[in-house]
Amino acid sequence: MCLAIPAIVQSIEPGDMAIVAIENVRKRISTALLDSVSEGDYVLVHVGYALHLLSEEEAQQTLSLMADAGILEDELDEIRGEASCDT
């Protein structure tokens, strides 16, 4: 499905890049679309880009809803590279 998914920023890297964690999955993403990002921020990630800052509450609620709907694991598999987006 390739939905946007909340993630926490674990570290900031040069060149508008960051390492984020989603559940137990870590991913290097671009932060170029945001004005400012800091370690500990929650961001909405889609196709390798941080699109929007979220509160921790919004992030946790969204992850919980995705898990309840049975789509969280599919999205994590896509992030891990174990599946591809349906077109």
Protein backbone atom coordinates (compact mmCIF):
# COMPACT_ATOMS: atom_id res chain seq x y z
CA MET A 1 0.00 0.00 0.00
CA CYS A 2 2.86 2.40 0.70
CA LEU A 3 1.13 4.51 3.31
CA ALA A 4 2.88 7.30 5.17
CA ILE A 5 3.93 6.04 8.59
CA PRO A 6 5.05 7.81 11.79
CA ALA A 7 8.65 7.40 12.91
CA ILE A 8 10.91 8.89 15.58
CA VAL A 9 14.08 10.68 14.54
CA GLN A 10 17.05 8.93 16.15
CA SER A 11 19.85 10.97 14.61
CA ILE A 12 20.42 13.81 12.19
CA GLU A 13 22.94 13.35 9.37
CA PRO A 14 24.55 15.81 6.96
CA GLY A 15 22.79 16.71 3.73
CA ASP A 16 19.21 16.90 5.06
CA MET A 17 19.20 13.23 6.06
CA ALA A 18 18.18 11.45 9.26
CA ILE A 19 17.93 7.98 10.76
CA VAL A 20 14.43 7.18 11.97
CA ALA A 21 12.96 4.23 13.84
CA ILE A 22 9.57 2.70 13.22
CA GLU A 23 8.90 -0.05 15.72
CA ASN A 24 12.18 -2.04 15.53
CA VAL A 25 13.02 -0.94 11.97
CA ARG A 26 15.61 1.78 11.29
CA LYS A 27 15.70 3.69 8.02
CA ARG A 28 17.73 6.53 6.51
CA ILE A 29 15.39 9.20 5.13
CA SER A 30 15.50 12.69 3.65
CA THR A 31 14.37 15.63 5.78
CA ALA A 32 14.72 18.14 2.92
CA LEU A 33 10.97 18.81 2.79
CA LEU A 34 10.83 20.08 6.39
CA ASP A 35 12.12 23.38 7.73
CA SER A 36 13.54 21.93 10.93
CA VAL A 37 13.94 18.44 12.40
CA SER A 38 15.61 17.41 15.67
CA GLU A 39 16.46 14.14 17.36
CA GLY A 40 13.41 12.89 19.22
CA ASP A 41 10.92 14.49 16.81
CA TYR A 42 8.20 12.35 15.28
CA VAL A 43 7.79 12.64 11.53
CA LEU A 44 5.42 11.20 8.96
CA VAL A 45 7.53 9.20 6.47
CA HIS A 46 6.54 8.31 2.93
CA VAL A 47 8.82 6.81 0.24
CA GLY A 48 11.96 7.85 2.10
CA TYR A 49 10.96 11.44 2.88
CA ALA A 50 9.82 13.09 6.10
CA LEU A 51 6.64 14.93 5.09
CA HIS A 52 5.33 16.39 8.33
CA LEU A 53 6.14 16.75 12.04
CA LEU A 54 3.80 14.95 14.44
CA SER A 55 3.29 14.96 18.18
CA GLU A 56 4.22 11.78 20.02
CA GLU A 57 0.54 11.27 20.79
CA GLU A 58 -0.43 11.53 17.09
CA ALA A 59 2.36 9.14 16.11
CA GLN A 60 1.44 6.52 18.71
CA GLN A 61 -2.27 6.78 17.92
CA THR A 62 -1.63 6.35 14.19
CA LEU A 63 0.67 3.35 14.74
CA SER A 64 -1.94 1.79 17.01
CA LEU A 65 -4.70 2.30 14.44
CA MET A 66 -2.49 0.81 11.72
CA ALA A 67 -1.76 -2.21 13.92
CA ASP A 68 -5.45 -2.66 14.76
CA ALA A 69 -6.30 -2.50 11.05
CA GLY A 70 -3.71 -5.19 10.32
CA ILE A 71 -1.61 -3.03 7.97
CA LEU A 72 1.33 -2.06 10.18
CA GLU A 73 3.35 -5.22 9.52
CA ASP A 74 2.83 -4.91 5.76
CA GLU A 75 4.13 -1.34 5.86
CA LEU A 76 7.13 -2.38 7.96
CA ASP A 77 7.89 -5.17 5.47
CA GLU A 78 7.90 -2.58 2.68
CA ILE A 79 10.28 -0.38 4.64
CA ARG A 80 12.56 -3.36 5.27
CA GLY A 81 12.53 -3.99 1.52
CA GLU A 82 10.71 -7.29 1.88
CA ALA A 83 7.73 -6.15 -0.19
CA SER A 84 6.99 -3.50 -2.76
CA CYS A 85 4.22 -0.98 -3.12
CA ASP A 86 1.17 -2.01 -5.08
CA THR A 87 0.46 0.29 -8.00
